[in-house]
Amino acid sequence: MHLCRFGFKDDYRIWTAHGEIIGDSQVEGGHDERFYETDRMNEMLVELCGDHLPPADEEPTGYAQAFYRMVASADQLVHEDTKHSSLSAVARLIALKSQYNMSIAHFEANLQLIHELLPADSKLPNG
């Protein structure tokens, strides 16, 4: 509500209270310890869906099936030599797309390169 009422500072270009790194040095003004935690994606998904599984005799909708696949991928590593699950990798890639305002073509070109660098049996989705 504060931003709606008063707007954002016109000259505020670099966050200085969240431990941002510019070049080789960290910006003064604070450090958010939570930024360096593991992603805890599986905890978020459990909170989102809880124990609400569909009844055994009812087939989930297409959207529900996609959601359950996403939940299953929360713990499935992209490949054996990484700490990233399929879900955390995709979430990070989409965050980068948004952060750097990548076009779809730019994003897909990067994704293609990443797939070329990964082992053939990697679990990273194609797109």
C-alpha atoms as a PDB file:
ATOM      1  CA  MET A   1       0.000   0.000   0.000  1.00  0.00           C
ATOM      2  CA  HIS A   2       2.903   2.321   0.758  1.00  0.00           C
ATOM      3  CA  LEU A   3       4.167   2.038  -2.835  1.00  0.00           C
ATOM      4  CA  CYS A   4       0.695   2.683  -4.210  1.00  0.00           C
ATOM      5  CA  ARG A   5       0.281   5.805  -2.107  1.00  0.00           C
ATOM      6  CA  PHE A   6       3.771   7.284  -2.243  1.00  0.00           C
ATOM      7  CA  GLY A   7       5.437   5.631  -5.257  1.00  0.00           C
ATOM      8  CA  PHE A   8       9.049   4.499  -5.459  1.00  0.00           C
ATOM      9  CA  LYS A   9      12.155   6.675  -5.143  1.00  0.00           C
ATOM     10  CA  ASP A  10      13.004   8.107  -8.564  1.00  0.00           C
ATOM     11  CA  ASP A  11      16.779   7.852  -8.098  1.00  0.00           C
ATOM     12  CA  TYR A  12      16.846   4.405  -6.433  1.00  0.00           C
ATOM     13  CA  ARG A  13      18.730   2.185  -8.908  1.00  0.00           C
ATOM     14  CA  ILE A  14      20.764  -0.207  -6.695  1.00  0.00           C
ATOM     15  CA  TRP A  15      19.384  -1.948  -3.643  1.00  0.00           C
ATOM     16  CA  THR A  16      21.657  -1.257  -0.713  1.00  0.00           C
ATOM     17  CA  ALA A  17      19.972  -3.167   2.106  1.00  0.00           C
ATOM     18  CA  HIS A  18      19.922  -6.694   0.742  1.00  0.00           C
ATOM     19  CA  GLY A  19      23.603  -7.670   0.429  1.00  0.00           C
ATOM     20  CA  GLU A  20      23.875  -7.134  -3.326  1.00  0.00           C
ATOM     21  CA  ILE A  21      27.243  -7.706  -4.929  1.00  0.00           C
ATOM     22  CA  ILE A  22      28.523  -5.246  -7.511  1.00  0.00           C
ATOM     23  CA  GLY A  23      31.772  -6.251  -9.156  1.00  0.00           C
ATOM     24  CA  ASP A  24      33.943  -7.859  -6.491  1.00  0.00           C
ATOM     25  CA  SER A  25      32.524  -6.008  -3.502  1.00  0.00           C
ATOM     26  CA  GLN A  26      29.336  -6.236  -1.522  1.00  0.00           C
ATOM     27  CA  VAL A  27      27.145  -3.145  -1.305  1.00  0.00           C
ATOM     28  CA  GLU A  28      27.115  -1.656   2.187  1.00  0.00           C
ATOM     29  CA  GLY A  29      23.905  -1.427   4.107  1.00  0.00           C
ATOM     30  CA  GLY A  30      22.941  -4.871   5.179  1.00  0.00           C
ATOM     31  CA  HIS A  31      22.851  -8.542   4.505  1.00  0.00           C
ATOM     32  CA  ASP A  32      19.856 -10.825   4.360  1.00  0.00           C
ATOM     33  CA  GLU A  33      20.855 -14.263   5.683  1.00  0.00           C
ATOM     34  CA  ARG A  34      17.766 -15.873   4.140  1.00  0.00           C
ATOM     35  CA  PHE A  35      19.113 -15.101   0.665  1.00  0.00           C
ATOM     36  CA  TYR A  36      21.785 -17.768   1.105  1.00  0.00           C
ATOM     37  CA  GLU A  37      19.496 -20.583   2.300  1.00  0.00           C
ATOM     38  CA  THR A  38      18.772 -23.584   0.140  1.00  0.00           C
ATOM     39  CA  ASP A  39      15.626 -23.123  -1.910  1.00  0.00           C
ATOM     40  CA  ARG A  40      13.309 -25.320   0.273  1.00  0.00           C
ATOM     41  CA  MET A  41      11.099 -25.756  -2.811  1.00  0.00           C
ATOM     42  CA  ASN A  42       9.606 -29.015  -1.545  1.00  0.00           C
ATOM     43  CA  GLU A  43       8.456 -27.354   1.693  1.00  0.00           C
ATOM     44  CA  MET A  44       6.710 -24.627  -0.300  1.00  0.00           C
ATOM     45  CA  LEU A  45       4.904 -27.198  -2.436  1.00  0.00           C
ATOM     46  CA  VAL A  46       3.775 -29.205   0.589  1.00  0.00           C
ATOM     47  CA  GLU A  47       2.410 -26.012   2.130  1.00  0.00           C
ATOM     48  CA  LEU A  48       0.632 -25.222  -1.124  1.00  0.00           C
ATOM     49  CA  CYS A  49      -1.104 -28.562  -1.648  1.00  0.00           C
ATOM     50  CA  GLY A  50      -0.997 -29.997   1.880  1.00  0.00           C
ATOM     51  CA  ASP A  51      -2.654 -33.383   2.104  1.00  0.00           C
ATOM     52  CA  HIS A  52      -5.229 -32.653  -0.596  1.00  0.00           C
ATOM     53  CA  LEU A  53      -4.665 -35.586  -2.923  1.00  0.00           C
ATOM     54  CA  PRO A  54      -7.515 -36.470  -5.293  1.00  0.00           C
ATOM     55  CA  PRO A  55      -9.809 -39.359  -4.356  1.00  0.00           C
ATOM     56  CA  ALA A  56      -8.455 -42.705  -5.594  1.00  0.00           C
ATOM     57  CA  ASP A  57     -11.400 -43.260  -7.956  1.00  0.00           C
ATOM     58  CA  GLU A  58     -11.212 -39.779  -9.526  1.00  0.00           C
ATOM     59  CA  GLU A  59      -8.792 -38.957 -12.349  1.00  0.00           C
ATOM     60  CA  PRO A  60      -7.012 -35.611 -11.756  1.00  0.00           C
ATOM     61  CA  THR A  61      -7.515 -32.849 -14.321  1.00  0.00           C
ATOM     62  CA  GLY A  62      -4.707 -31.953 -16.714  1.00  0.00           C
ATOM     63  CA  TYR A  63      -3.727 -29.017 -14.532  1.00  0.00           C
ATOM     64  CA  ALA A  64      -3.685 -31.211 -11.432  1.00  0.00           C
ATOM     65  CA  GLN A  65      -1.557 -33.824 -13.209  1.00  0.00           C
ATOM     66  CA  ALA A  66       0.938 -31.134 -14.213  1.00  0.00           C
ATOM     67  CA  PHE A  67       1.027 -29.901 -10.619  1.00  0.00           C
ATOM     68  CA  TYR A  68       1.677 -33.411  -9.270  1.00  0.00           C
ATOM     69  CA  ARG A  69       4.500 -33.870 -11.791  1.00  0.00           C
ATOM     70  CA  MET A  70       5.963 -30.577 -10.578  1.00  0.00           C
ATOM     71  CA  VAL A  71       5.756 -31.712  -6.956  1.00  0.00           C
ATOM     72  CA  ALA A  72       7.475 -34.995  -7.867  1.00  0.00           C
ATOM     73  CA  SER A  73      10.271 -33.078  -9.615  1.00  0.00           C
ATOM     74  CA  ALA A  74      10.984 -31.027  -6.491  1.00  0.00           C
ATOM     75  CA  ASP A  75      13.317 -33.755  -5.231  1.00  0.00           C
ATOM     76  CA  GLN A  76      14.505 -35.180  -8.578  1.00  0.00           C
ATOM     77  CA  LEU A  77      18.022 -33.885  -9.309  1.00  0.00           C
ATOM     78  CA  VAL A  78      18.752 -32.612 -12.815  1.00  0.00           C
ATOM     79  CA  HIS A  79      21.711 -35.035 -12.883  1.00  0.00           C
ATOM     80  CA  GLU A  80      23.802 -36.854 -10.298  1.00  0.00           C
ATOM     81  CA  ASP A  81      26.521 -34.183 -10.014  1.00  0.00           C
ATOM     82  CA  THR A  82      24.329 -31.206  -9.113  1.00  0.00           C
ATOM     83  CA  LYS A  83      22.438 -29.864  -6.141  1.00  0.00           C
ATOM     84  CA  HIS A  84      19.562 -28.557  -8.289  1.00  0.00           C
ATOM     85  CA  SER A  85      16.280 -30.367  -8.719  1.00  0.00           C
ATOM     86  CA  SER A  86      14.391 -30.029 -11.998  1.00  0.00           C
ATOM     87  CA  LEU A  87      11.960 -27.678 -10.285  1.00  0.00           C
ATOM     88  CA  SER A  88      14.595 -25.466  -8.651  1.00  0.00           C
ATOM     89  CA  ALA A  89      16.550 -25.238 -11.927  1.00  0.00           C
ATOM     90  CA  VAL A  90      13.467 -24.222 -13.916  1.00  0.00           C
ATOM     91  CA  ALA A  91      12.423 -21.720 -11.238  1.00  0.00           C
ATOM     92  CA  ARG A  92      15.910 -20.182 -11.263  1.00  0.00           C
ATOM     93  CA  LEU A  93      15.970 -19.998 -15.080  1.00  0.00           C
ATOM     94  CA  ILE A  94      12.576 -18.305 -15.177  1.00  0.00           C
ATOM     95  CA  ALA A  95      13.700 -15.858 -12.482  1.00  0.00           C
ATOM     96  CA  LEU A  96      16.749 -14.972 -14.598  1.00  0.00           C
ATOM     97  CA  LYS A  97      14.536 -14.526 -17.670  1.00  0.00           C
ATOM     98  CA  SER A  98      12.409 -12.092 -15.732  1.00  0.00           C
ATOM     99  CA  GLN A  99      15.294 -10.314 -13.996  1.00  0.00           C
ATOM    100  CA  TYR A 100      17.143  -9.621 -17.243  1.00  0.00           C
ATOM    101  CA  ASN A 101      14.017  -9.132 -19.384  1.00  0.00           C
ATOM    102  CA  MET A 102      15.058 -11.881 -21.817  1.00  0.00           C
ATOM    103  CA  SER A 103      13.032 -12.386 -24.944  1.00  0.00           C
ATOM    104  CA  ILE A 104      11.576 -15.848 -25.483  1.00  0.00           C
ATOM    105  CA  ALA A 105      14.102 -16.442 -28.279  1.00  0.00           C
ATOM    106  CA  HIS A 106      16.984 -15.443 -25.984  1.00  0.00           C
ATOM    107  CA  PHE A 107      15.704 -17.675 -23.184  1.00  0.00           C
ATOM    108  CA  GLU A 108      15.214 -20.665 -25.503  1.00  0.00           C
ATOM    109  CA  ALA A 109      18.698 -20.208 -27.018  1.00  0.00           C
ATOM    110  CA  ASN A 110      20.201 -20.226 -23.523  1.00  0.00           C
ATOM    111  CA  LEU A 111      18.147 -23.282 -22.586  1.00  0.00           C
ATOM    112  CA  GLN A 112      19.340 -25.090 -25.716  1.00  0.00           C
ATOM    113  CA  LEU A 113      22.976 -24.349 -24.816  1.00  0.00           C
ATOM    114  CA  ILE A 114      22.427 -25.542 -21.241  1.00  0.00           C
ATOM    115  CA  HIS A 115      20.987 -28.806 -22.578  1.00  0.00           C
ATOM    116  CA  GLU A 116      24.023 -29.245 -24.825  1.00  0.00           C
ATOM    117  CA  LEU A 117      26.302 -28.839 -21.788  1.00  0.00           C
ATOM    118  CA  LEU A 118      24.359 -31.255 -19.560  1.00  0.00           C
ATOM    119  CA  PRO A 119      24.653 -35.041 -19.651  1.00  0.00           C
ATOM    120  CA  ALA A 120      22.270 -36.714 -22.119  1.00  0.00           C
ATOM    121  CA  ASP A 121      20.232 -38.270 -19.293  1.00  0.00           C
ATOM    122  CA  SER A 122      19.638 -34.983 -17.451  1.00  0.00           C
ATOM    123  CA  LYS A 123      16.160 -34.297 -16.080  1.00  0.00           C
ATOM    124  CA  LEU A 124      15.972 -30.609 -17.046  1.00  0.00           C
ATOM    125  CA  PRO A 125      12.788 -30.045 -19.092  1.00  0.00           C
ATOM    126  CA  ASN A 126      13.253 -28.877 -22.683  1.00  0.00           C
ATOM    127  CA  GLY A 127      10.990 -25.895 -22.500  1.00  0.00           C
END
